[in-house]
PDB file of N, CA and C in Angstrom:
ATOM      1  N   MET A   1      -9.282  33.480  33.196  1.00  0.00           N
ATOM      2  CA  MET A   1      -9.062  34.731  31.984  1.00  0.00           C
ATOM      3  C   MET A   1      -7.560  33.400  31.502  1.00  0.00           C
ATOM      4  N   ALA A   2      -6.913  32.955  32.360  1.00  0.00           N
ATOM      5  CA  ALA A   2      -5.489  32.222  31.932  1.00  0.00           C
ATOM      6  C   ALA A   2      -6.112  31.017  31.637  1.00  0.00           C
ATOM      7  N   SER A   3      -7.049  30.626  31.597  1.00  0.00           N
ATOM      8  CA  SER A   3      -7.931  28.925  31.490  1.00  0.00           C
ATOM      9  C   SER A   3      -8.412  29.417  30.091  1.00  0.00           C
ATOM     10  N   THR A   4      -8.780  30.045  29.654  1.00  0.00           N
ATOM     11  CA  THR A   4      -9.588  30.905  28.372  1.00  0.00           C
ATOM     12  C   THR A   4      -8.565  30.743  27.357  1.00  0.00           C
ATOM     13  N   SER A   5      -7.685  31.404  27.586  1.00  0.00           N
ATOM     14  CA  SER A   5      -6.329  31.486  27.089  1.00  0.00           C
ATOM     15  C   SER A   5      -5.640  30.162  26.894  1.00  0.00           C
ATOM     16  N   ILE A   6      -5.205  29.288  27.791  1.00  0.00           N
ATOM     17  CA  ILE A   6      -5.126  28.095  27.549  1.00  0.00           C
ATOM     18  C   ILE A   6      -6.090  27.430  26.679  1.00  0.00           C
ATOM     19  N   SER A   7      -7.104  26.995  26.652  1.00  0.00           N
ATOM     20  CA  SER A   7      -8.177  26.804  25.926  1.00  0.00           C
ATOM     21  C   SER A   7      -8.328  26.695  24.208  1.00  0.00           C
ATOM     22  N   VAL A   8      -7.870  28.726  24.274  1.00  0.00           N
ATOM     23  CA  VAL A   8      -7.488  29.168  22.615  1.00  0.00           C
ATOM     24  C   VAL A   8      -6.548  28.291  22.230  1.00  0.00           C
ATOM     25  N   LEU A   9      -5.636  28.499  22.846  1.00  0.00           N
ATOM     26  CA  LEU A   9      -4.405  27.943  22.427  1.00  0.00           C
ATOM     27  C   LEU A   9      -3.995  26.605  22.079  1.00  0.00           C
ATOM     28  N   PHE A  10      -4.756  25.789  22.889  1.00  0.00           N
ATOM     29  CA  PHE A  10      -4.713  23.896  22.704  1.00  0.00           C
ATOM     30  C   PHE A  10      -5.483  24.405  21.679  1.00  0.00           C
ATOM     31  N   LEU A  11      -6.805  24.790  21.520  1.00  0.00           N
ATOM     32  CA  LEU A  11      -7.778  24.406  19.972  1.00  0.00           C
ATOM     33  C   LEU A  11      -7.064  25.064  18.763  1.00  0.00           C
ATOM     34  N   LEU A  12      -6.123  26.005  18.924  1.00  0.00           N
ATOM     35  CA  LEU A  12      -5.648  26.287  17.728  1.00  0.00           C
ATOM     36  C   LEU A  12      -4.644  25.478  17.440  1.00  0.00           C
ATOM     37  N   LEU A  13      -3.607  24.640  18.247  1.00  0.00           N
ATOM     38  CA  LEU A  13      -2.601  23.751  18.093  1.00  0.00           C
ATOM     39  C   LEU A  13      -3.093  22.697  17.516  1.00  0.00           C
ATOM     40  N   LEU A  14      -4.341  22.000  18.136  1.00  0.00           N
ATOM     41  CA  LEU A  14      -5.311  21.101  17.479  1.00  0.00           C
ATOM     42  C   LEU A  14      -5.706  21.004  16.048  1.00  0.00           C
ATOM     43  N   ALA A  15      -6.495  22.127  15.565  1.00  0.00           N
ATOM     44  CA  ALA A  15      -6.426  22.539  14.341  1.00  0.00           C
ATOM     45  C   ALA A  15      -5.335  22.350  13.256  1.00  0.00           C
ATOM     46  N   THR A  16      -4.209  23.164  13.826  1.00  0.00           N
ATOM     47  CA  THR A  16      -3.094  23.064  13.058  1.00  0.00           C
ATOM     48  C   THR A  16      -2.544  21.424  12.851  1.00  0.00           C
ATOM     49  N   PHE A  17      -2.683  20.889  14.103  1.00  0.00           N
ATOM     50  CA  PHE A  17      -2.051  19.142  13.573  1.00  0.00           C
ATOM     51  C   PHE A  17      -3.274  18.521  13.012  1.00  0.00           C
ATOM     52  N   ALA A  18      -4.367  18.750  13.006  1.00  0.00           N
ATOM     53  CA  ALA A  18      -5.775  18.376  12.209  1.00  0.00           C
ATOM     54  C   ALA A  18      -5.727  18.414  10.800  1.00  0.00           C
ATOM     55  N   ALA A  19      -5.142  19.947  10.399  1.00  0.00           N
ATOM     56  CA  ALA A  19      -5.169  20.110   9.141  1.00  0.00           C
ATOM     57  C   ALA A  19      -4.167  19.363   8.517  1.00  0.00           C
ATOM     58  N   SER A  20      -3.346  19.189   9.324  1.00  0.00           N
ATOM     59  CA  SER A  20      -1.722  18.802   8.255  1.00  0.00           C
ATOM     60  C   SER A  20      -1.920  17.333   8.098  1.00  0.00           C
ATOM     61  N   ALA A  21      -2.656  16.557   9.171  1.00  0.00           N
ATOM     62  CA  ALA A  21      -2.968  15.190   9.068  1.00  0.00           C
ATOM     63  C   ALA A  21      -3.725  14.560   8.008  1.00  0.00           C
ATOM     64  N   SER A  22      -2.960  13.399   7.223  1.00  0.00           N
ATOM     65  CA  SER A  22      -3.599  12.619   6.255  1.00  0.00           C
ATOM     66  C   SER A  22      -3.452  11.037   6.136  1.00  0.00           C
ATOM     67  N   ALA A  23      -4.237  10.564   5.052  1.00  0.00           N
ATOM     68  CA  ALA A  23      -4.043   9.337   5.270  1.00  0.00           C
ATOM     69  C   ALA A  23      -3.953   8.408   3.934  1.00  0.00           C
ATOM     70  N   ALA A  24      -3.664   7.333   4.061  1.00  0.00           N
ATOM     71  CA  ALA A  24      -3.595   6.288   2.849  1.00  0.00           C
ATOM     72  C   ALA A  24      -4.992   5.549   2.873  1.00  0.00           C
ATOM     73  N   THR A  25      -5.827   5.158   1.950  1.00  0.00           N
ATOM     74  CA  THR A  25      -6.667   4.244   1.762  1.00  0.00           C
ATOM     75  C   THR A  25      -6.186   3.058   0.817  1.00  0.00           C
ATOM     76  N   PHE A  26      -6.612   1.811   1.737  1.00  0.00           N
ATOM     77  CA  PHE A  26      -6.196   0.865   0.860  1.00  0.00           C
ATOM     78  C   PHE A  26      -7.571  -0.174   0.609  1.00  0.00           C
ATOM     79  N   THR A  27      -7.885  -0.329  -0.513  1.00  0.00           N
ATOM     80  CA  THR A  27      -9.084  -1.375  -0.863  1.00  0.00           C
ATOM     81  C   THR A  27      -8.693  -2.697  -1.387  1.00  0.00           C
ATOM     82  N   VAL A  28      -9.044  -3.834  -0.739  1.00  0.00           N
ATOM     83  CA  VAL A  28      -8.785  -5.225  -0.699  1.00  0.00           C
ATOM     84  C   VAL A  28      -9.522  -5.700  -1.678  1.00  0.00           C
ATOM     85  N   LYS A  29      -9.633  -5.807  -2.858  1.00  0.00           N
ATOM     86  CA  LYS A  29     -10.796  -6.948  -3.372  1.00  0.00           C
ATOM     87  C   LYS A  29     -10.332  -8.041  -3.952  1.00  0.00           C
ATOM     88  N   ASN A  30     -11.271  -9.312  -3.593  1.00  0.00           N
ATOM     89  CA  ASN A  30     -11.132 -10.482  -3.933  1.00  0.00           C
ATOM     90  C   ASN A  30     -12.123 -11.128  -5.133  1.00  0.00           C
ATOM     91  N   ASN A  31     -11.354 -11.549  -6.333  1.00  0.00           N
ATOM     92  CA  ASN A  31     -12.046 -12.011  -7.229  1.00  0.00           C
ATOM     93  C   ASN A  31     -11.978 -13.364  -7.292  1.00  0.00           C
ATOM     94  N   CYS A  32     -11.173 -14.136  -6.495  1.00  0.00           N
ATOM     95  CA  CYS A  32     -11.033 -15.573  -6.344  1.00  0.00           C
ATOM     96  C   CYS A  32     -12.235 -16.148  -6.114  1.00  0.00           C
ATOM     97  N   SER A  33     -12.107 -17.492  -6.514  1.00  0.00           N
ATOM     98  CA  SER A  33     -13.264 -18.370  -6.195  1.00  0.00           C
ATOM     99  C   SER A  33     -13.472 -18.827  -5.057  1.00  0.00           C
ATOM    100  N   SER A  34     -12.286 -18.394  -4.211  1.00  0.00           N
ATOM    101  CA  SER A  34     -12.515 -19.186  -2.754  1.00  0.00           C
ATOM    102  C   SER A  34     -11.932 -17.768  -2.076  1.00  0.00           C
ATOM    103  N   THR A  35     -12.167 -18.185  -0.670  1.00  0.00           N
ATOM    104  CA  THR A  35     -11.495 -17.037   0.374  1.00  0.00           C
ATOM    105  C   THR A  35     -10.177 -17.220   0.352  1.00  0.00           C
ATOM    106  N   VAL A  36      -9.431 -15.802   0.544  1.00  0.00           N
ATOM    107  CA  VAL A  36      -7.999 -15.461   0.544  1.00  0.00           C
ATOM    108  C   VAL A  36      -7.742 -15.426   2.042  1.00  0.00           C
ATOM    109  N   TRP A  37      -6.853 -16.152   2.710  1.00  0.00           N
ATOM    110  CA  TRP A  37      -6.784 -15.839   4.066  1.00  0.00           C
ATOM    111  C   TRP A  37      -5.677 -15.091   4.068  1.00  0.00           C
ATOM    112  N   PRO A  38      -4.786 -13.856   4.262  1.00  0.00           N
ATOM    113  CA  PRO A  38      -4.037 -13.619   4.482  1.00  0.00           C
ATOM    114  C   PRO A  38      -2.624 -14.063   5.340  1.00  0.00           C
ATOM    115  N   ALA A  39      -2.149 -14.587   5.174  1.00  0.00           N
ATOM    116  CA  ALA A  39      -0.656 -14.703   6.349  1.00  0.00           C
ATOM    117  C   ALA A  39      -1.092 -15.851   6.704  1.00  0.00           C
ATOM    118  N   ALA A  40      -2.205 -17.000   6.155  1.00  0.00           N
ATOM    119  CA  ALA A  40      -2.382 -18.154   6.585  1.00  0.00           C
ATOM    120  C   ALA A  40      -2.150 -19.092   6.303  1.00  0.00           C
ATOM    121  N   ILE A  41      -1.229 -19.230   5.354  1.00  0.00           N
ATOM    122  CA  ILE A  41      -0.150 -20.432   4.722  1.00  0.00           C
ATOM    123  C   ILE A  41       1.110 -20.102   5.052  1.00  0.00           C
ATOM    124  N   PRO A  42       1.738 -21.298   4.981  1.00  0.00           N
ATOM    125  CA  PRO A  42       3.563 -21.069   4.874  1.00  0.00           C
ATOM    126  C   PRO A  42       3.660 -20.527   3.574  1.00  0.00           C
ATOM    127  N   PRO A  43       4.832 -20.154   3.253  1.00  0.00           N
ATOM    128  CA  PRO A  43       5.357 -19.641   1.750  1.00  0.00           C
ATOM    129  C   PRO A  43       5.556 -21.227   1.075  1.00  0.00           C
ATOM    130  N   PRO A  44       5.804 -20.721  -0.293  1.00  0.00           N
ATOM    131  CA  PRO A  44       6.001 -19.511  -1.269  1.00  0.00           C
ATOM    132  C   PRO A  44       4.839 -18.493  -1.033  1.00  0.00           C
ATOM    133  N   ALA A  45       4.511 -17.337  -1.138  1.00  0.00           N
ATOM    134  CA  ALA A  45       3.634 -16.415  -0.881  1.00  0.00           C
ATOM    135  C   ALA A  45       3.861 -15.526  -2.208  1.00  0.00           C
ATOM    136  N   THR A  46       3.225 -14.825  -3.036  1.00  0.00           N
ATOM    137  CA  THR A  46       2.903 -13.448  -3.589  1.00  0.00           C
ATOM    138  C   THR A  46       2.772 -12.851  -2.503  1.00  0.00           C
ATOM    139  N   LEU A  47       3.740 -11.496  -2.740  1.00  0.00           N
ATOM    140  CA  LEU A  47       3.680 -10.394  -1.626  1.00  0.00           C
ATOM    141  C   LEU A  47       3.220  -8.931  -2.426  1.00  0.00           C
ATOM    142  N   ALA A  48       2.387  -8.337  -1.387  1.00  0.00           N
ATOM    143  CA  ALA A  48       2.312  -7.379  -2.003  1.00  0.00           C
ATOM    144  C   ALA A  48       2.900  -5.946  -1.032  1.00  0.00           C
ATOM    145  N   GLU A  49       3.844  -5.390  -1.130  1.00  0.00           N
ATOM    146  CA  GLU A  49       4.863  -4.745  -0.243  1.00  0.00           C
ATOM    147  C   GLU A  49       4.319  -3.161  -0.664  1.00  0.00           C
ATOM    148  N   PHE A  50       4.356  -2.492   0.614  1.00  0.00           N
ATOM    149  CA  PHE A  50       4.383  -1.065   0.787  1.00  0.00           C
ATOM    150  C   PHE A  50       4.953  -0.090   1.771  1.00  0.00           C
ATOM    151  N   SER A  51       5.541   1.048   1.133  1.00  0.00           N
ATOM    152  CA  SER A  51       6.441   1.784   2.136  1.00  0.00           C
ATOM    153  C   SER A  51       5.299   3.284   1.781  1.00  0.00           C
ATOM    154  N   ILE A  52       4.615   3.538   3.142  1.00  0.00           N
ATOM    155  CA  ILE A  52       4.012   5.082   2.894  1.00  0.00           C
ATOM    156  C   ILE A  52       4.767   6.266   3.773  1.00  0.00           C
ATOM    157  N   GLY A  53       4.185   7.346   3.703  1.00  0.00           N
ATOM    158  CA  GLY A  53       4.564   8.311   4.668  1.00  0.00           C
ATOM    159  C   GLY A  53       5.432   9.640   3.822  1.00  0.00           C
ATOM    160  N   GLY A  54       5.553  10.661   4.029  1.00  0.00           N
ATOM    161  CA  GLY A  54       5.837  11.857   3.544  1.00  0.00           C
ATOM    162  C   GLY A  54       5.402  12.123   2.028  1.00  0.00           C
ATOM    163  N   THR A  55       6.222  12.579   1.320  1.00  0.00           N
ATOM    164  CA  THR A  55       5.415  13.272  -0.238  1.00  0.00           C
ATOM    165  C   THR A  55       5.406  12.046  -1.068  1.00  0.00           C
ATOM    166  N   GLU A  56       6.003  11.077  -1.095  1.00  0.00           N
ATOM    167  CA  GLU A  56       6.076   9.875  -1.858  1.00  0.00           C
ATOM    168  C   GLU A  56       6.157   8.536  -1.131  1.00  0.00           C
ATOM    169  N   ASP A  57       5.070   7.605  -1.624  1.00  0.00           N
ATOM    170  CA  ASP A  57       4.901   6.265  -1.529  1.00  0.00           C
ATOM    171  C   ASP A  57       5.246   5.283  -2.447  1.00  0.00           C
ATOM    172  N   TYR A  58       5.742   4.249  -1.877  1.00  0.00           N
ATOM    173  CA  TYR A  58       6.182   2.886  -2.906  1.00  0.00           C
ATOM    174  C   TYR A  58       5.433   1.972  -2.589  1.00  0.00           C
ATOM    175  N   TYR A  59       5.594   0.987  -3.512  1.00  0.00           N
ATOM    176  CA  TYR A  59       4.564  -0.109  -3.594  1.00  0.00           C
ATOM    177  C   TYR A  59       5.055  -1.450  -5.008  1.00  0.00           C
ATOM    178  N   ASP A  60       4.585  -2.611  -4.309  1.00  0.00           N
ATOM    179  CA  ASP A  60       5.150  -3.743  -5.323  1.00  0.00           C
ATOM    180  C   ASP A  60       4.914  -4.807  -4.983  1.00  0.00           C
ATOM    181  N   ILE A  61       4.532  -5.666  -6.209  1.00  0.00           N
ATOM    182  CA  ILE A  61       4.266  -7.265  -5.793  1.00  0.00           C
ATOM    183  C   ILE A  61       5.566  -8.002  -6.033  1.00  0.00           C
ATOM    184  N   SER A  62       5.693  -8.711  -4.981  1.00  0.00           N
ATOM    185  CA  SER A  62       7.035  -9.305  -4.881  1.00  0.00           C
ATOM    186  C   SER A  62       6.476 -11.021  -4.908  1.00  0.00           C
ATOM    187  N   VAL A  63       7.986 -11.794  -5.594  1.00  0.00           N
ATOM    188  CA  VAL A  63       7.618 -13.245  -6.083  1.00  0.00           C
ATOM    189  C   VAL A  63       9.018 -13.736  -5.559  1.00  0.00           C
ATOM    190  N   ILE A  64       9.669 -12.825  -4.877  1.00  0.00           N
ATOM    191  CA  ILE A  64      10.809 -13.281  -4.341  1.00  0.00           C
ATOM    192  C   ILE A  64      11.136 -14.651  -3.681  1.00  0.00           C
ATOM    193  N   ASP A  65      10.250 -14.877  -2.706  1.00  0.00           N
ATOM    194  CA  ASP A  65       9.863 -15.845  -1.948  1.00  0.00           C
ATOM    195  C   ASP A  65       9.068 -17.330  -2.643  1.00  0.00           C
ATOM    196  N   GLY A  66       8.537 -16.401  -3.464  1.00  0.00           N
ATOM    197  CA  GLY A  66       7.674 -17.948  -4.388  1.00  0.00           C
ATOM    198  C   GLY A  66       6.352 -17.407  -4.599  1.00  0.00           C
ATOM    199  N   TYR A  67       5.563 -17.738  -5.191  1.00  0.00           N
ATOM    200  CA  TYR A  67       4.264 -17.502  -6.031  1.00  0.00           C
ATOM    201  C   TYR A  67       3.234 -18.601  -5.490  1.00  0.00           C
ATOM    202  N   ASN A  68       1.841 -17.835  -5.171  1.00  0.00           N
ATOM    203  CA  ASN A  68       0.857 -18.656  -4.733  1.00  0.00           C
ATOM    204  C   ASN A  68      -0.457 -18.058  -5.376  1.00  0.00           C
ATOM    205  N   LEU A  69      -0.369 -17.099  -5.691  1.00  0.00           N
ATOM    206  CA  LEU A  69      -1.975 -16.316  -5.980  1.00  0.00           C
ATOM    207  C   LEU A  69      -1.510 -14.977  -6.693  1.00  0.00           C
ATOM    208  N   PRO A  70      -2.159 -14.918  -7.886  1.00  0.00           N
ATOM    209  CA  PRO A  70      -2.497 -13.503  -8.781  1.00  0.00           C
ATOM    210  C   PRO A  70      -2.915 -12.477  -8.222  1.00  0.00           C
ATOM    211  N   MET A  71      -2.060 -11.443  -8.624  1.00  0.00           N
ATOM    212  CA  MET A  71      -2.805 -10.040  -7.877  1.00  0.00           C
ATOM    213  C   MET A  71      -2.339  -9.017  -8.626  1.00  0.00           C
ATOM    214  N   ALA A  72      -3.067  -7.624  -8.413  1.00  0.00           N
ATOM    215  CA  ALA A  72      -2.876  -6.561  -9.015  1.00  0.00           C
ATOM    216  C   ALA A  72      -2.943  -5.561  -7.831  1.00  0.00           C
ATOM    217  N   PHE A  73      -1.644  -4.970  -7.960  1.00  0.00           N
ATOM    218  CA  PHE A  73      -1.571  -3.716  -6.704  1.00  0.00           C
ATOM    219  C   PHE A  73      -1.529  -2.028  -7.857  1.00  0.00           C
ATOM    220  N   SER A  74      -2.722  -1.801  -7.553  1.00  0.00           N
ATOM    221  CA  SER A  74      -2.388  -0.133  -8.264  1.00  0.00           C
ATOM    222  C   SER A  74      -2.512   0.918  -6.713  1.00  0.00           C
ATOM    223  N   CYS A  75      -2.027   2.121  -7.444  1.00  0.00           N
ATOM    224  CA  CYS A  75      -2.256   3.155  -6.780  1.00  0.00           C
ATOM    225  C   CYS A  75      -2.949   4.099  -7.606  1.00  0.00           C
ATOM    226  N   SER A  76      -3.375   5.211  -7.045  1.00  0.00           N
ATOM    227  CA  SER A  76      -4.387   6.207  -7.672  1.00  0.00           C
ATOM    228  C   SER A  76      -3.742   7.363  -8.596  1.00  0.00           C
ATOM    229  N   THR A  77      -2.289   7.496  -8.544  1.00  0.00           N
ATOM    230  CA  THR A  77      -1.359   8.404  -9.166  1.00  0.00           C
ATOM    231  C   THR A  77      -0.471   7.545  -9.972  1.00  0.00           C
ATOM    232  N   GLY A  78      -0.348   6.034  -9.687  1.00  0.00           N
ATOM    233  CA  GLY A  78       0.758   5.635 -10.178  1.00  0.00           C
ATOM    234  C   GLY A  78       0.738   4.450 -11.102  1.00  0.00           C
ATOM    235  N   SER A  79       1.491   3.767 -11.381  1.00  0.00           N
ATOM    236  CA  SER A  79       1.381   2.331 -12.466  1.00  0.00           C
ATOM    237  C   SER A  79       0.800   1.270 -11.415  1.00  0.00           C
ATOM    238  N   SER A  80       0.012   0.422 -12.449  1.00  0.00           N
ATOM    239  CA  SER A  80      -0.504  -0.818 -12.005  1.00  0.00           C
ATOM    240  C   SER A  80       0.376  -2.130 -12.136  1.00  0.00           C
ATOM    241  N   PRO A  81       0.834  -2.757 -11.302  1.00  0.00           N
ATOM    242  CA  PRO A  81       1.583  -4.085 -11.680  1.00  0.00           C
ATOM    243  C   PRO A  81       0.709  -4.911 -11.585  1.00  0.00           C
ATOM    244  N   VAL A  82       0.840  -5.796 -12.514  1.00  0.00           N
ATOM    245  CA  VAL A  82      -0.206  -7.230 -12.277  1.00  0.00           C
ATOM    246  C   VAL A  82       0.680  -8.462 -12.502  1.00  0.00           C
ATOM    247  N   CYS A  83       0.566  -9.321 -11.794  1.00  0.00           N
ATOM    248  CA  CYS A  83       1.711 -10.756 -11.560  1.00  0.00           C
ATOM    249  C   CYS A  83       0.331 -11.926 -11.772  1.00  0.00           C
ATOM    250  N   THR A  84       0.177 -12.546 -12.851  1.00  0.00           N
ATOM    251  CA  THR A  84      -0.247 -13.692 -12.986  1.00  0.00           C
ATOM    252  C   THR A  84      -0.032 -14.981 -13.160  1.00  0.00           C
ATOM    253  N   SER A  85       1.539 -15.033 -12.640  1.00  0.00           N
ATOM    254  CA  SER A  85       1.930 -16.370 -12.753  1.00  0.00           C
ATOM    255  C   SER A  85       3.295 -16.389 -12.004  1.00  0.00           C
ATOM    256  N   PRO A  86       4.040 -17.275 -11.718  1.00  0.00           N
ATOM    257  CA  PRO A  86       5.383 -17.343 -11.137  1.00  0.00           C
ATOM    258  C   PRO A  86       6.965 -16.302 -11.833  1.00  0.00           C
ATOM    259  N   THR A  87       6.657 -16.427 -13.079  1.00  0.00           N
ATOM    260  CA  THR A  87       7.436 -15.677 -13.878  1.00  0.00           C
ATOM    261  C   THR A  87       7.095 -14.230 -14.196  1.00  0.00           C
ATOM    262  N   CYS A  88       6.247 -13.734 -13.548  1.00  0.00           N
ATOM    263  CA  CYS A  88       5.887 -12.490 -13.833  1.00  0.00           C
ATOM    264  C   CYS A  88       6.751 -11.493 -14.109  1.00  0.00           C
ATOM    265  N   THR A  89       6.781 -10.602 -15.019  1.00  0.00           N
ATOM    266  CA  THR A  89       7.666  -9.303 -15.378  1.00  0.00           C
ATOM    267  C   THR A  89       7.544  -8.189 -14.275  1.00  0.00           C
ATOM    268  N   GLU A  90       6.327  -7.999 -14.259  1.00  0.00           N
ATOM    269  CA  GLU A  90       6.110  -6.808 -13.177  1.00  0.00           C
ATOM    270  C   GLU A  90       6.378  -6.648 -12.132  1.00  0.00           C
ATOM    271  N   ALA A  91       6.771  -7.911 -11.558  1.00  0.00           N
ATOM    272  CA  ALA A  91       6.895  -8.222 -10.123  1.00  0.00           C
ATOM    273  C   ALA A  91       8.638  -8.018  -9.686  1.00  0.00           C
ATOM    274  N   TYR A  92       8.449  -7.641  -8.186  1.00  0.00           N
ATOM    275  CA  TYR A  92      10.057  -7.799  -7.553  1.00  0.00           C
ATOM    276  C   TYR A  92      10.525  -8.956  -7.675  1.00  0.00           C
ATOM    277  N   ARG A  93      11.343  -9.394  -8.333  1.00  0.00           N
ATOM    278  CA  ARG A  93      11.841 -10.758  -8.389  1.00  0.00           C
ATOM    279  C   ARG A  93      13.084 -11.246  -7.764  1.00  0.00           C
ATOM    280  N   PHE A  94      13.684 -10.502  -7.431  1.00  0.00           N
ATOM    281  CA  PHE A  94      15.305 -10.267  -6.857  1.00  0.00           C
ATOM    282  C   PHE A  94      15.494  -9.104  -5.782  1.00  0.00           C
ATOM    283  N   PRO A  95      16.445  -9.407  -4.692  1.00  0.00           N
ATOM    284  CA  PRO A  95      16.682  -8.079  -3.952  1.00  0.00           C
ATOM    285  C   PRO A  95      17.145  -6.948  -4.690  1.00  0.00           C
ATOM    286  N   ASN A  96      16.674  -5.859  -4.596  1.00  0.00           N
ATOM    287  CA  ASN A  96      17.518  -4.307  -5.336  1.00  0.00           C
ATOM    288  C   ASN A  96      16.857  -4.253  -6.540  1.00  0.00           C
ATOM    289  N   ASP A  97      15.707  -5.397  -6.934  1.00  0.00           N
ATOM    290  CA  ASP A  97      14.894  -5.029  -7.988  1.00  0.00           C
ATOM    291  C   ASP A  97      14.223  -3.585  -8.075  1.00  0.00           C
ATOM    292  N   ASP A  98      14.667  -2.563  -7.903  1.00  0.00           N
ATOM    293  CA  ASP A  98      14.262  -1.050  -7.999  1.00  0.00           C
ATOM    294  C   ASP A  98      13.504  -0.776  -8.920  1.00  0.00           C
ATOM    295  N   SER A  99      13.614  -1.321  -9.935  1.00  0.00           N
ATOM    296  CA  SER A  99      12.860  -0.942 -11.346  1.00  0.00           C
ATOM    297  C   SER A  99      11.584  -1.225 -11.327  1.00  0.00           C
ATOM    298  N   LYS A 100      11.083  -2.402 -10.437  1.00  0.00           N
ATOM    299  CA  LYS A 100       9.719  -2.949 -10.471  1.00  0.00           C
ATOM    300  C   LYS A 100       9.382  -2.243  -8.990  1.00  0.00           C
ATOM    301  N   THR A 101       9.620  -1.064  -8.504  1.00  0.00           N
ATOM    302  CA  THR A 101       8.999  -0.579  -7.209  1.00  0.00           C
ATOM    303  C   THR A 101       8.328   1.160  -7.883  1.00  0.00           C
ATOM    304  N   PRO A 102       7.244   1.127  -8.251  1.00  0.00           N
ATOM    305  CA  PRO A 102       6.643   1.984  -8.733  1.00  0.00           C
ATOM    306  C   PRO A 102       6.426   3.108  -7.468  1.00  0.00           C
ATOM    307  N   GLY A 103       6.238   4.338  -7.674  1.00  0.00           N
ATOM    308  CA  GLY A 103       5.960   5.392  -6.618  1.00  0.00           C
ATOM    309  C   GLY A 103       4.702   6.362  -6.834  1.00  0.00           C
ATOM    310  N   CYS A 104       4.270   6.794  -6.220  1.00  0.00           N
ATOM    311  CA  CYS A 104       2.900   7.734  -6.362  1.00  0.00           C
ATOM    312  C   CYS A 104       3.081   8.662  -5.316  1.00  0.00           C
ATOM    313  N   SER A 105       2.316   9.833  -5.420  1.00  0.00           N
ATOM    314  CA  SER A 105       2.072  10.724  -4.516  1.00  0.00           C
ATOM    315  C   SER A 105       1.631  10.303  -2.773  1.00  0.00           C
ATOM    316  N   GLY A 106       2.465  10.802  -2.037  1.00  0.00           N
ATOM    317  CA  GLY A 106       1.576  10.461  -0.937  1.00  0.00           C
ATOM    318  C   GLY A 106       0.152  10.570  -0.146  1.00  0.00           C
ATOM    319  N   ASN A 107       0.159   9.392   0.792  1.00  0.00           N
ATOM    320  CA  ASN A 107      -1.448   9.503   0.969  1.00  0.00           C
ATOM    321  C   ASN A 107      -2.377   9.351   0.135  1.00  0.00           C
ATOM    322  N   SER A 108      -2.092   8.142  -0.713  1.00  0.00           N
ATOM    323  CA  SER A 108      -2.608   7.886  -1.815  1.00  0.00           C
ATOM    324  C   SER A 108      -3.720   6.902  -1.381  1.00  0.00           C
ATOM    325  N   ASN A 109      -4.498   6.720  -2.940  1.00  0.00           N
ATOM    326  CA  ASN A 109      -5.499   5.501  -2.444  1.00  0.00           C
ATOM    327  C   ASN A 109      -4.809   4.218  -3.393  1.00  0.00           C
ATOM    328  N   TYR A 110      -5.182   3.378  -2.911  1.00  0.00           N
ATOM    329  CA  TYR A 110      -4.545   1.718  -3.041  1.00  0.00           C
ATOM    330  C   TYR A 110      -5.474   1.040  -3.328  1.00  0.00           C
ATOM    331  N   GLN A 111      -5.561  -0.020  -4.453  1.00  0.00           N
ATOM    332  CA  GLN A 111      -6.356  -0.838  -4.513  1.00  0.00           C
ATOM    333  C   GLN A 111      -5.465  -2.529  -4.852  1.00  0.00           C
ATOM    334  N   LEU A 112      -5.787  -3.419  -4.111  1.00  0.00           N
ATOM    335  CA  LEU A 112      -5.037  -4.434  -4.141  1.00  0.00           C
ATOM    336  C   LEU A 112      -6.212  -5.746  -4.547  1.00  0.00           C
ATOM    337  N   THR A 113      -6.037  -6.091  -5.602  1.00  0.00           N
ATOM    338  CA  THR A 113      -6.737  -7.084  -6.267  1.00  0.00           C
ATOM    339  C   THR A 113      -6.462  -8.478  -6.435  1.00  0.00           C
ATOM    340  N   PHE A 114      -7.120  -9.537  -5.750  1.00  0.00           N
ATOM    341  CA  PHE A 114      -6.981 -10.857  -5.720  1.00  0.00           C
ATOM    342  C   PHE A 114      -7.037 -11.412  -6.980  1.00  0.00           C
ATOM    343  N   CYS A 115      -6.566 -12.419  -7.847  1.00  0.00           N
ATOM    344  CA  CYS A 115      -7.235 -13.018  -8.936  1.00  0.00           C
ATOM    345  C   CYS A 115      -7.649 -11.959  -9.950  1.00  0.00           C
ATOM    346  N   PRO A 116      -6.808 -11.031 -10.416  1.00  0.00           N
ATOM    347  CA  PRO A 116      -7.628 -10.233 -11.289  1.00  0.00           C
ATOM    348  C   PRO A 116      -7.865 -10.384 -12.743  1.00  0.00           C
TER     349      PRO A 116
END
């Protein structure tokens, strides 16, 4: 009888945690004429940055350390920064350039496109 009660309690706890779990989905698409090897070459590099968790996610394209590849980064509910040159106006260009860090609802779907 005690083991049945423990099993039922365990299943209820498991169901509660499973119901509250969620995840973000990332889709990476390469439209470039050659293979893109992430983190395979030294800087300078165009960066796709993100911070996920909670009720709000943040993401951006950064050219602070340099530029080597055009890219677009989008969220299912937010804006879609596109960067196709080193002087990209939609990219994070200096530390604390927070106006270039869009947000979207937590656990969203993201698409990163190389050579958009």
